[in-house]
C-alpha atoms as a PDB file:
ATOM      1  CA  MET A   1      16.600  37.344 -11.130  1.00  0.00           C
ATOM      2  CA  THR A   2      12.698  38.676 -12.098  1.00  0.00           C
ATOM      3  CA  ARG A   3       9.360  39.049 -10.101  1.00  0.00           C
ATOM      4  CA  LEU A   4       5.993  39.648 -11.927  1.00  0.00           C
ATOM      5  CA  SER A   5       2.937  40.157 -10.809  1.00  0.00           C
ATOM      6  CA  PRO A   6      -1.024  39.070 -11.964  1.00  0.00           C
ATOM      7  CA  THR A   7      -0.569  42.772 -12.934  1.00  0.00           C
ATOM      8  CA  GLY A   8       2.288  42.421 -15.218  1.00  0.00           C
ATOM      9  CA  ASP A   9       4.139  45.209 -12.955  1.00  0.00           C
ATOM     10  CA  LYS A  10       8.177  43.507 -13.227  1.00  0.00           C
ATOM     11  CA  LEU A  11      11.326  43.729 -10.288  1.00  0.00           C
ATOM     12  CA  ARG A  12      14.214  42.890 -11.312  1.00  0.00           C
ATOM     13  CA  LEU A  13      16.482  42.096  -8.636  1.00  0.00           C
ATOM     14  CA  GLU A  14      20.109  39.918  -7.305  1.00  0.00           C
ATOM     15  CA  PRO A  15      18.119  36.891  -6.032  1.00  0.00           C
ATOM     16  CA  TRP A  16      19.448  37.353  -2.873  1.00  0.00           C
ATOM     17  CA  LYS A  17      17.412  40.127  -2.857  1.00  0.00           C
ATOM     18  CA  PHE A  18      14.196  38.178  -2.851  1.00  0.00           C
ATOM     19  CA  GLY A  19      12.983  35.476  -0.547  1.00  0.00           C
ATOM     20  CA  SER A  20      13.919  37.109   3.127  1.00  0.00           C
ATOM     21  CA  ILE A  21      10.110  37.927   5.194  1.00  0.00           C
ATOM     22  CA  GLY A  22      11.296  40.018   8.403  1.00  0.00           C
ATOM     23  CA  HIS A  23      11.182  38.253  11.350  1.00  0.00           C
ATOM     24  CA  GLY A  24      10.139  35.471   9.659  1.00  0.00           C
ATOM     25  CA  HIS A  25      10.588  33.068  12.059  1.00  0.00           C
ATOM     26  CA  SER A  26      10.304  34.614  15.650  1.00  0.00           C
ATOM     27  CA  ILE A  27       7.329  35.120  17.683  1.00  0.00           C
ATOM     28  CA  LYS A  28       6.946  38.112  19.496  1.00  0.00           C
ATOM     29  CA  LEU A  29       3.852  38.168  21.683  1.00  0.00           C
ATOM     30  CA  SER A  30       4.210  41.496  23.197  1.00  0.00           C
ATOM     31  CA  ARG A  31       1.101  44.180  21.689  1.00  0.00           C
ATOM     32  CA  VAL A  32       3.441  47.432  21.820  1.00  0.00           C
ATOM     33  CA  PRO A  33       6.070  47.191  18.721  1.00  0.00           C
ATOM     34  CA  GLY A  34       9.641  47.363  19.495  1.00  0.00           C
ATOM     35  CA  LYS A  35       9.274  45.758  23.734  1.00  0.00           C
ATOM     36  CA  SER A  36      10.274  42.362  24.064  1.00  0.00           C
ATOM     37  CA  THR A  37       8.137  38.946  26.619  1.00  0.00           C
ATOM     38  CA  VAL A  38       9.480  36.257  28.050  1.00  0.00           C
ATOM     39  CA  TRP A  39       7.578  34.405  26.030  1.00  0.00           C
ATOM     40  CA  ASP A  40       9.503  35.522  22.663  1.00  0.00           C
ATOM     41  CA  TYR A  41      11.108  32.963  20.422  1.00  0.00           C
ATOM     42  CA  ASN A  42      13.391  32.035  17.066  1.00  0.00           C
ATOM     43  CA  PHE A  43      13.421  28.957  15.790  1.00  0.00           C
ATOM     44  CA  GLU A  44      15.269  29.679  12.383  1.00  0.00           C
ATOM     45  CA  SER A  45      17.215  26.677  13.593  1.00  0.00           C
ATOM     46  CA  GLU A  46      14.699  24.103  12.637  1.00  0.00           C
ATOM     47  CA  PHE A  47      15.412  25.655   9.546  1.00  0.00           C
ATOM     48  CA  GLN A  48      19.187  25.036   9.815  1.00  0.00           C
ATOM     49  CA  ARG A  49      19.182  21.473   8.589  1.00  0.00           C
ATOM     50  CA  ALA A  50      17.430  21.919   5.721  1.00  0.00           C
ATOM     51  CA  ASP A  51      19.466  25.606   4.496  1.00  0.00           C
ATOM     52  CA  GLN A  52      22.619  23.573   5.244  1.00  0.00           C
ATOM     53  CA  SER A  53      22.447  20.774   2.295  1.00  0.00           C
ATOM     54  CA  PHE A  54      20.617  22.879   0.233  1.00  0.00           C
ATOM     55  CA  PRO A  55      24.358  23.410  -2.186  1.00  0.00           C
ATOM     56  CA  GLN A  56      24.954  19.626  -1.845  1.00  0.00           C
ATOM     57  CA  VAL A  57      21.539  18.897  -3.615  1.00  0.00           C
ATOM     58  CA  ILE A  58      21.719  20.967  -5.727  1.00  0.00           C
ATOM     59  CA  ARG A  59      25.048  19.761  -6.960  1.00  0.00           C
ATOM     60  CA  TRP A  60      23.438  15.945  -6.074  1.00  0.00           C
ATOM     61  CA  LEU A  61      20.512  16.775  -8.168  1.00  0.00           C
ATOM     62  CA  ASP A  62      22.623  18.301 -10.887  1.00  0.00           C
ATOM     63  CA  SER A  63      25.427  15.210 -11.075  1.00  0.00           C
ATOM     64  CA  LEU A  64      22.562  12.052 -11.383  1.00  0.00           C
ATOM     65  CA  LYS A  65      21.725  10.532 -14.922  1.00  0.00           C
ATOM     66  CA  ARG A  66      18.904  11.451 -17.206  1.00  0.00           C
ATOM     67  CA  ASP A  67      17.930  10.258 -20.430  1.00  0.00           C
ATOM     68  CA  ASN A  68      15.734  12.133 -22.951  1.00  0.00           C
ATOM     69  CA  ARG A  69      12.954   9.698 -23.692  1.00  0.00           C
ATOM     70  CA  THR A  70      10.330  12.201 -24.939  1.00  0.00           C
ATOM     71  CA  GLY A  71       9.620   9.852 -27.868  1.00  0.00           C
ATOM     72  CA  ALA A  72       9.048   7.406 -25.429  1.00  0.00           C
ATOM     73  CA  ARG A  73       5.220   5.793 -26.625  1.00  0.00           C
ATOM     74  CA  ALA A  74       4.178   6.266 -22.824  1.00  0.00           C
ATOM     75  CA  LEU A  75       4.711   8.648 -20.119  1.00  0.00           C
ATOM     76  CA  ILE A  76       6.227   6.150 -17.676  1.00  0.00           C
ATOM     77  CA  GLU A  77       9.173   4.268 -20.567  1.00  0.00           C
ATOM     78  CA  ARG A  78      10.870   7.882 -20.237  1.00  0.00           C
ATOM     79  CA  PHE A  79      11.029   7.794 -16.236  1.00  0.00           C
ATOM     80  CA  LEU A  80      15.021   6.780 -15.513  1.00  0.00           C
ATOM     81  CA  PRO A  81      14.970   4.353 -12.409  1.00  0.00           C
ATOM     82  CA  LEU A  82      17.618   5.671 -10.186  1.00  0.00           C
ATOM     83  CA  ASP A  83      19.825   3.759  -6.698  1.00  0.00           C
ATOM     84  CA  VAL A  84      20.012   6.708  -4.797  1.00  0.00           C
ATOM     85  CA  PRO A  85      21.630   7.204  -1.188  1.00  0.00           C
ATOM     86  CA  GLU A  86      19.326   6.600   1.767  1.00  0.00           C
ATOM     87  CA  GLU A  87      21.254  10.617   3.151  1.00  0.00           C
ATOM     88  CA  MET A  88      20.942  12.321   0.107  1.00  0.00           C
ATOM     89  CA  LEU A  89      16.676  11.702   0.117  1.00  0.00           C
ATOM     90  CA  GLY A  90      17.050  12.125   3.280  1.00  0.00           C
ATOM     91  CA  HIS A  91      18.614  16.350   2.796  1.00  0.00           C
ATOM     92  CA  LEU A  92      15.946  16.242  -0.271  1.00  0.00           C
ATOM     93  CA  MET A  93      13.171  15.878   2.055  1.00  0.00           C
ATOM     94  CA  GLU A  94      14.301  18.707   5.043  1.00  0.00           C
ATOM     95  CA  GLY A  95      14.561  21.137   1.726  1.00  0.00           C
ATOM     96  CA  LEU A  96      11.523  19.980   0.159  1.00  0.00           C
ATOM     97  CA  VAL A  97       9.363  20.240   2.978  1.00  0.00           C
ATOM     98  CA  SER A  98      11.198  23.540   4.040  1.00  0.00           C
ATOM     99  CA  LEU A  99       9.661  25.492   0.728  1.00  0.00           C
ATOM    100  CA  CYS A 100       6.545  23.832   1.442  1.00  0.00           C
ATOM    101  CA  VAL A 101       6.420  25.672   5.386  1.00  0.00           C
ATOM    102  CA  ARG A 102       7.923  28.963   5.077  1.00  0.00           C
ATOM    103  CA  SER A 103       5.789  29.694   1.776  1.00  0.00           C
ATOM    104  CA  PRO A 104       3.773  32.450   1.339  1.00  0.00           C
ATOM    105  CA  MET A 105       1.114  30.213   0.283  1.00  0.00           C
ATOM    106  CA  ASN A 106       1.108  28.011   3.270  1.00  0.00           C
ATOM    107  CA  ARG A 107       1.792  31.617   5.739  1.00  0.00           C
ATOM    108  CA  ARG A 108      -1.723  32.778   5.211  1.00  0.00           C
ATOM    109  CA  MET A 109      -3.128  29.635   5.306  1.00  0.00           C
ATOM    110  CA  ALA A 110      -1.390  29.476   8.833  1.00  0.00           C
ATOM    111  CA  VAL A 111      -3.626  32.074   9.690  1.00  0.00           C
ATOM    112  CA  SER A 112      -6.492  32.406   8.299  1.00  0.00           C
ATOM    113  CA  VAL A 113      -8.891  29.963  10.142  1.00  0.00           C
ATOM    114  CA  ALA A 114      -8.114  32.949  13.061  1.00  0.00           C
ATOM    115  CA  GLU A 115      -8.631  35.059  10.428  1.00  0.00           C
ATOM    116  CA  GLU A 116     -12.445  33.964   9.003  1.00  0.00           C
ATOM    117  CA  LEU A 117     -13.295  33.120  12.894  1.00  0.00           C
ATOM    118  CA  ARG A 118     -12.706  36.862  13.926  1.00  0.00           C
ATOM    119  CA  GLY A 119     -14.054  37.713  11.013  1.00  0.00           C
ATOM    120  CA  GLY A 120     -12.294  39.720   9.548  1.00  0.00           C
ATOM    121  CA  LYS A 121      -7.904  41.199   9.472  1.00  0.00           C
ATOM    122  CA  ILE A 122      -5.798  40.782  12.370  1.00  0.00           C
ATOM    123  CA  SER A 123      -3.271  43.572  13.494  1.00  0.00           C
ATOM    124  CA  VAL A 124       0.018  42.878  11.217  1.00  0.00           C
ATOM    125  CA  ARG A 125       2.153  42.359  14.642  1.00  0.00           C
ATOM    126  CA  GLU A 126      -0.846  39.670  16.041  1.00  0.00           C
ATOM    127  CA  ARG A 127      -0.916  37.930  12.479  1.00  0.00           C
ATOM    128  CA  ASP A 128       2.513  37.599  12.936  1.00  0.00           C
ATOM    129  CA  ALA A 129       2.135  35.827  15.627  1.00  0.00           C
ATOM    130  CA  LEU A 130      -0.481  33.636  15.041  1.00  0.00           C
ATOM    131  CA  ILE A 131       1.700  32.227  11.487  1.00  0.00           C
ATOM    132  CA  ALA A 132       5.145  31.521  13.822  1.00  0.00           C
ATOM    133  CA  LEU A 133       2.848  29.920  16.052  1.00  0.00           C
ATOM    134  CA  ASN A 134       1.534  27.496  13.877  1.00  0.00           C
ATOM    135  CA  ILE A 135       4.277  27.002  11.481  1.00  0.00           C
ATOM    136  CA  ARG A 136       6.947  26.354  14.474  1.00  0.00           C
ATOM    137  CA  TYR A 137       6.752  23.520  14.973  1.00  0.00           C
ATOM    138  CA  ARG A 138       6.008  22.365  11.155  1.00  0.00           C
ATOM    139  CA  GLN A 139       9.133  21.050   9.704  1.00  0.00           C
ATOM    140  CA  ARG A 140       9.676  18.725  12.574  1.00  0.00           C
ATOM    141  CA  ALA A 141       6.782  17.115  12.078  1.00  0.00           C
ATOM    142  CA  VAL A 142       5.910  16.934   8.117  1.00  0.00           C
ATOM    143  CA  ALA A 143       9.983  16.212   6.694  1.00  0.00           C
ATOM    144  CA  ASP A 144       9.782  13.446  10.406  1.00  0.00           C
ATOM    145  CA  ALA A 145       6.737  12.373   9.248  1.00  0.00           C
ATOM    146  CA  LEU A 146       7.608  11.412   5.163  1.00  0.00           C
ATOM    147  CA  GLY A 147      11.475  10.168   5.601  1.00  0.00           C
ATOM    148  CA  THR A 148      12.640   9.014   3.091  1.00  0.00           C
ATOM    149  CA  ARG A 149       8.870   6.580   2.485  1.00  0.00           C
ATOM    150  CA  GLY A 150       7.226   7.880  -0.715  1.00  0.00           C
ATOM    151  CA  LYS A 151       8.065   8.294  -4.595  1.00  0.00           C
ATOM    152  CA  PHE A 152      10.669  11.231  -5.842  1.00  0.00           C
ATOM    153  CA  ALA A 153      10.746  12.519  -8.918  1.00  0.00           C
ATOM    154  CA  VAL A 154      13.805  14.746 -10.167  1.00  0.00           C
ATOM    155  CA  ILE A 155      11.963  16.874 -13.357  1.00  0.00           C
ATOM    156  CA  TYR A 156      14.824  18.214 -16.522  1.00  0.00           C
ATOM    157  CA  SER A 157      14.052  20.964 -18.461  1.00  0.00           C
ATOM    158  CA  PRO A 158      16.645  22.128 -20.867  1.00  0.00           C
ATOM    159  CA  GLU A 159      14.408  24.077 -22.962  1.00  0.00           C
ATOM    160  CA  ARG A 160      12.667  25.997 -20.945  1.00  0.00           C
ATOM    161  CA  GLU A 161      12.839  27.211 -17.589  1.00  0.00           C
ATOM    162  CA  PHE A 162      11.195  26.602 -14.384  1.00  0.00           C
ATOM    163  CA  ILE A 163       9.195  29.308 -13.056  1.00  0.00           C
ATOM    164  CA  PHE A 164       8.571  29.607  -9.194  1.00  0.00           C
ATOM    165  CA  GLY A 165       6.036  31.365  -6.927  1.00  0.00           C
ATOM    166  CA  ASP A 166       4.819  32.661  -3.529  1.00  0.00           C
ATOM    167  CA  GLY A 167       2.128  29.549  -3.798  1.00  0.00           C
ATOM    168  CA  PHE A 168       2.937  26.512  -6.015  1.00  0.00           C
ATOM    169  CA  PHE A 169       2.074  22.778  -5.648  1.00  0.00           C
ATOM    170  CA  HIS A 170       1.403  20.703  -2.202  1.00  0.00           C
ATOM    171  CA  ASN A 171      -0.869  20.130   0.686  1.00  0.00           C
ATOM    172  CA  LEU A 172       1.509  19.959   3.314  1.00  0.00           C
ATOM    173  CA  THR A 173      -0.492  23.549   5.293  1.00  0.00           C
ATOM    174  CA  SER A 174      -0.255  24.503   7.950  1.00  0.00           C
ATOM    175  CA  PRO A 175      -2.267  23.620  11.128  1.00  0.00           C
ATOM    176  CA  ALA A 176      -3.573  20.552   9.241  1.00  0.00           C
ATOM    177  CA  THR A 177      -1.819  17.610  10.747  1.00  0.00           C
ATOM    178  CA  PRO A 178       0.519  15.657   7.776  1.00  0.00           C
ATOM    179  CA  PRO A 179      -1.742  14.240   4.801  1.00  0.00           C
ATOM    180  CA  ALA A 180      -2.168  10.892   4.750  1.00  0.00           C
ATOM    181  CA  ASN A 181      -1.357  11.422   0.544  1.00  0.00           C
ATOM    182  CA  PRO A 182       1.038  13.927   1.079  1.00  0.00           C
ATOM    183  CA  GLN A 183       1.907  15.565  -2.503  1.00  0.00           C
ATOM    184  CA  MET A 184       4.135  17.922  -3.596  1.00  0.00           C
ATOM    185  CA  LEU A 185       5.878  19.667  -6.783  1.00  0.00           C
ATOM    186  CA  VAL A 186       8.753  22.088  -6.077  1.00  0.00           C
ATOM    187  CA  PRO A 187      10.877  24.067  -8.564  1.00  0.00           C
ATOM    188  CA  LEU A 188      14.221  24.763  -7.367  1.00  0.00           C
ATOM    189  CA  THR A 189      16.223  25.676  -9.869  1.00  0.00           C
ATOM    190  CA  PRO A 190      15.436  27.000 -13.706  1.00  0.00           C
ATOM    191  CA  ASN A 191      15.662  24.308 -14.638  1.00  0.00           C
ATOM    192  CA  ILE A 192      15.099  21.453 -12.237  1.00  0.00           C
ATOM    193  CA  SER A 193      12.345  20.491 -10.022  1.00  0.00           C
ATOM    194  CA  VAL A 194      11.350  17.492  -7.742  1.00  0.00           C
ATOM    195  CA  LEU A 195       7.241  15.562  -7.922  1.00  0.00           C
ATOM    196  CA  PHE A 196       7.161  14.288  -4.267  1.00  0.00           C
ATOM    197  CA  ALA A 197       4.374  11.896  -3.764  1.00  0.00           C
ATOM    198  CA  ARG A 198       3.218   8.896  -1.380  1.00  0.00           C
ATOM    199  CA  PRO A 199      -0.151   7.371  -2.452  1.00  0.00           C
ATOM    200  CA  SER A 200      -2.083   4.649  -0.642  1.00  0.00           C
ATOM    201  CA  GLN A 201      -0.692   2.482  -2.844  1.00  0.00           C
ATOM    202  CA  PHE A 202       2.612   1.754  -3.862  1.00  0.00           C
ATOM    203  CA  SER A 203       5.969   0.001  -4.790  1.00  0.00           C
ATOM    204  CA  THR A 204       9.323   0.974  -2.674  1.00  0.00           C
ATOM    205  CA  GLU A 205      11.351   0.487  -5.188  1.00  0.00           C
ATOM    206  CA  PRO A 206      13.058   2.253  -7.379  1.00  0.00           C
ATOM    207  CA  ARG A 207      12.694   5.270  -4.809  1.00  0.00           C
ATOM    208  CA  LEU A 208      13.917   7.504  -7.611  1.00  0.00           C
ATOM    209  CA  SER A 209      13.500   8.831 -11.277  1.00  0.00           C
ATOM    210  CA  THR A 210      14.709  11.012 -13.410  1.00  0.00           C
ATOM    211  CA  LEU A 211      12.526  12.760 -16.360  1.00  0.00           C
ATOM    212  CA  VAL A 212      13.260  15.609 -18.792  1.00  0.00           C
ATOM    213  CA  VAL A 213      10.159  16.930 -20.053  1.00  0.00           C
ATOM    214  CA  SER A 214      10.102  19.318 -23.719  1.00  0.00           C
ATOM    215  CA  ARG A 215       9.191  22.963 -23.337  1.00  0.00           C
ATOM    216  CA  GLU A 216       5.269  21.981 -23.692  1.00  0.00           C
ATOM    217  CA  GLU A 217       5.315  19.625 -20.614  1.00  0.00           C
ATOM    218  CA  ALA A 218       7.034  22.459 -19.045  1.00  0.00           C
ATOM    219  CA  ASP A 219       4.773  24.816 -20.278  1.00  0.00           C
ATOM    220  CA  ILE A 220       2.000  22.595 -18.195  1.00  0.00           C
ATOM    221  CA  LEU A 221       4.502  22.217 -14.723  1.00  0.00           C
ATOM    222  CA  ASN A 222       4.274  26.152 -14.873  1.00  0.00           C
ATOM    223  CA  HIS A 223       0.480  26.659 -15.509  1.00  0.00           C
ATOM    224  CA  ALA A 224       0.727  24.944 -11.511  1.00  0.00           C
ATOM    225  CA  VAL A 225       2.656  27.004 -10.177  1.00  0.00           C
ATOM    226  CA  GLN A 226       0.578  30.185 -11.682  1.00  0.00           C
ATOM    227  CA  VAL A 227      -2.198  28.364 -10.198  1.00  0.00           C
ATOM    228  CA  TYR A 228      -1.513  27.762  -6.581  1.00  0.00           C
ATOM    229  CA  ALA A 229       0.779  31.306  -6.792  1.00  0.00           C
ATOM    230  CA  LYS A 230      -0.810  34.749  -5.372  1.00  0.00           C
ATOM    231  CA  GLU A 231       1.044  37.539  -5.773  1.00  0.00           C
ATOM    232  CA  MET A 232       3.509  36.766  -7.620  1.00  0.00           C
ATOM    233  CA  ILE A 233       5.960  34.715  -9.669  1.00  0.00           C
ATOM    234  CA  PHE A 234      10.154  34.373  -9.876  1.00  0.00           C
ATOM    235  CA  TYR A 235      11.588  34.187 -13.084  1.00  0.00           C
ATOM    236  CA  ARG A 236      15.239  33.974 -14.237  1.00  0.00           C
ATOM    237  CA  SER A 237      15.403  35.314 -18.168  1.00  0.00           C
ATOM    238  CA  GLU A 238      11.989  33.145 -20.066  1.00  0.00           C
ATOM    239  CA  GLN A 239       9.171  35.651 -18.456  1.00  0.00           C
ATOM    240  CA  PRO A 240       6.199  33.293 -18.611  1.00  0.00           C
ATOM    241  CA  SER A 241       2.787  34.799 -20.135  1.00  0.00           C
ATOM    242  CA  VAL A 242       0.115  35.454 -17.042  1.00  0.00           C
ATOM    243  CA  THR A 243      -2.386  32.918 -16.988  1.00  0.00           C
ATOM    244  CA  GLU A 244      -6.374  33.609 -15.902  1.00  0.00           C
ATOM    245  CA  GLU A 245      -6.164  32.246 -11.999  1.00  0.00           C
ATOM    246  CA  PHE A 246      -2.792  34.146 -11.492  1.00  0.00           C
ATOM    247  CA  ARG A 247      -3.643  37.667 -12.523  1.00  0.00           C
ATOM    248  CA  LYS A 248      -6.674  36.774 -10.216  1.00  0.00           C
ATOM    249  CA  GLY A 249      -4.183  36.928  -7.287  1.00  0.00           C
ATOM    250  CA  GLU A 250      -5.769  34.511  -5.853  1.00  0.00           C
ATOM    251  CA  HIS A 251      -4.013  31.002  -4.370  1.00  0.00           C
ATOM    252  CA  PHE A 252      -6.294  28.512  -5.721  1.00  0.00           C
ATOM    253  CA  HIS A 253      -5.728  24.938  -6.066  1.00  0.00           C
ATOM    254  CA  TYR A 254      -6.910  21.739  -7.777  1.00  0.00           C
ATOM    255  CA  ALA A 255     -10.503  20.572  -6.943  1.00  0.00           C
ATOM    256  CA  GLY A 256     -10.441  17.150  -7.575  1.00  0.00           C
ATOM    257  CA  PRO A 257      -8.210  14.410  -8.727  1.00  0.00           C
ATOM    258  CA  ASP A 258      -7.668  14.504 -12.341  1.00  0.00           C
ATOM    259  CA  ASN A 259      -5.305  17.574 -13.148  1.00  0.00           C
ATOM    260  CA  SER A 260      -2.165  17.335 -14.222  1.00  0.00           C
ATOM    261  CA  ILE A 261       0.663  16.604 -11.798  1.00  0.00           C
ATOM    262  CA  THR A 262      -1.703  13.986 -10.663  1.00  0.00           C
ATOM    263  CA  ASN A 263      -1.857  12.235 -13.798  1.00  0.00           C
ATOM    264  CA  LEU A 264       2.244  12.716 -14.286  1.00  0.00           C
ATOM    265  CA  ILE A 265       2.850  11.562 -10.159  1.00  0.00           C
ATOM    266  CA  HIS A 266       0.612   8.149 -11.011  1.00  0.00           C
ATOM    267  CA  ASN A 267       2.860   7.459 -14.538  1.00  0.00           C
ATOM    268  CA  ILE A 268       6.085   7.208 -11.870  1.00  0.00           C
ATOM    269  CA  PRO A 269       7.598   3.984 -11.962  1.00  0.00           C
ATOM    270  CA  GLY A 270       5.960   2.222  -8.909  1.00  0.00           C
ATOM    271  CA  ILE A 271       3.157   4.085  -8.375  1.00  0.00           C
ATOM    272  CA  PRO A 272      -0.163   2.300  -9.621  1.00  0.00           C
ATOM    273  CA  PRO A 273      -2.754   3.938 -12.402  1.00  0.00           C
ATOM    274  CA  ARG A 274      -4.916   6.085 -11.051  1.00  0.00           C
ATOM    275  CA  ASP A 275      -7.984   4.464  -9.837  1.00  0.00           C
ATOM    276  CA  ARG A 276     -11.023   6.229 -11.227  1.00  0.00           C
ATOM    277  CA  SER A 277     -14.081   4.943 -10.225  1.00  0.00           C
ATOM    278  CA  LEU A 278     -15.062   8.375  -7.534  1.00  0.00           C
ATOM    279  CA  ASP A 279     -14.104  11.068 -10.415  1.00  0.00           C
ATOM    280  CA  PHE A 280     -18.034  11.427 -10.935  1.00  0.00           C
ATOM    281  CA  LEU A 281     -18.357  12.855  -7.229  1.00  0.00           C
ATOM    282  CA  PHE A 282     -15.545  15.821  -8.359  1.00  0.00           C
ATOM    283  CA  GLN A 283     -17.877  16.232 -11.643  1.00  0.00           C
ATOM    284  CA  ARG A 284     -19.381  19.144 -10.002  1.00  0.00           C
ATOM    285  CA  ALA A 285     -16.650  21.138  -7.799  1.00  0.00           C
ATOM    286  CA  ARG A 286     -15.433  24.265  -8.795  1.00  0.00           C
ATOM    287  CA  GLY A 287     -12.153  25.133  -9.188  1.00  0.00           C
ATOM    288  CA  VAL A 288      -9.249  25.442 -11.119  1.00  0.00           C
ATOM    289  CA  SER A 289      -9.693  21.261 -11.623  1.00  0.00           C
ATOM    290  CA  ARG A 290     -11.500  22.250 -14.893  1.00  0.00           C
ATOM    291  CA  LYS A 291      -8.162  22.879 -16.798  1.00  0.00           C
ATOM    292  CA  THR A 292      -8.025  19.016 -17.676  1.00  0.00           C
ATOM    293  CA  HIS A 293      -6.576  19.595 -21.429  1.00  0.00           C
ATOM    294  CA  PHE A 294      -3.405  20.661 -19.762  1.00  0.00           C
ATOM    295  CA  SER A 295      -1.896  17.174 -19.748  1.00  0.00           C
ATOM    296  CA  PHE A 296       0.684  14.406 -20.139  1.00  0.00           C
END
């Protein structure tokens, strides 16, 4: 796997050598390096359920039925609704939430308020402690709040590889409470991504649908990853072109509802079309939402 930076620098290593954050699941409150306190705590077990289930979840997702319907007239006609086990949806949700909670983007947001109030950067040791304190209970709080209530879309890309990043599309940020309308697009393998949403209105069934995308549509989903990533994106064998947003080295986000991922969400079977009556409120919003020409 290759790690690509905003400047175009590349580092190629075995996949298991990426993604490790030293003491990322530990709360260490001593100001003196190497010393511990009675308040120190390790919360690795919070993610045990997700980590143990990942191999089973990936095999299950890879086995799901899907049809390549790229020739259909309407996007909603290309989704294939499936009846799937409740247990597997629960395992899938655990994994999706864990990737959001532990992502570098979320870790930075977990300490951003403190940095802003302090008027500058915090020492590395104190910063790590604040991050750990803010995400300690996040996995259980979010996974339990979401459960399996919502709409899942498993997206397959047979012609173009998906990329991953130190940030990706989701609104499950720490330390805020879980949002009323959670959304996340999580690349899980170079060929499988999962889209989840729970809007204010939706029909319960079908709970999960599959969708096969074209090369151009996979590029649209990969563009969203580069919008939210800051310092690194990862790919297996197809090097993506560095976008204007990723080149700036910041965690950007879509400033309004008129973007490719939200439009895709509102084509999932059981989710009504997006209400555009309030779009005028976002017309002057700044941010990368101006990239509306990327659309399904």
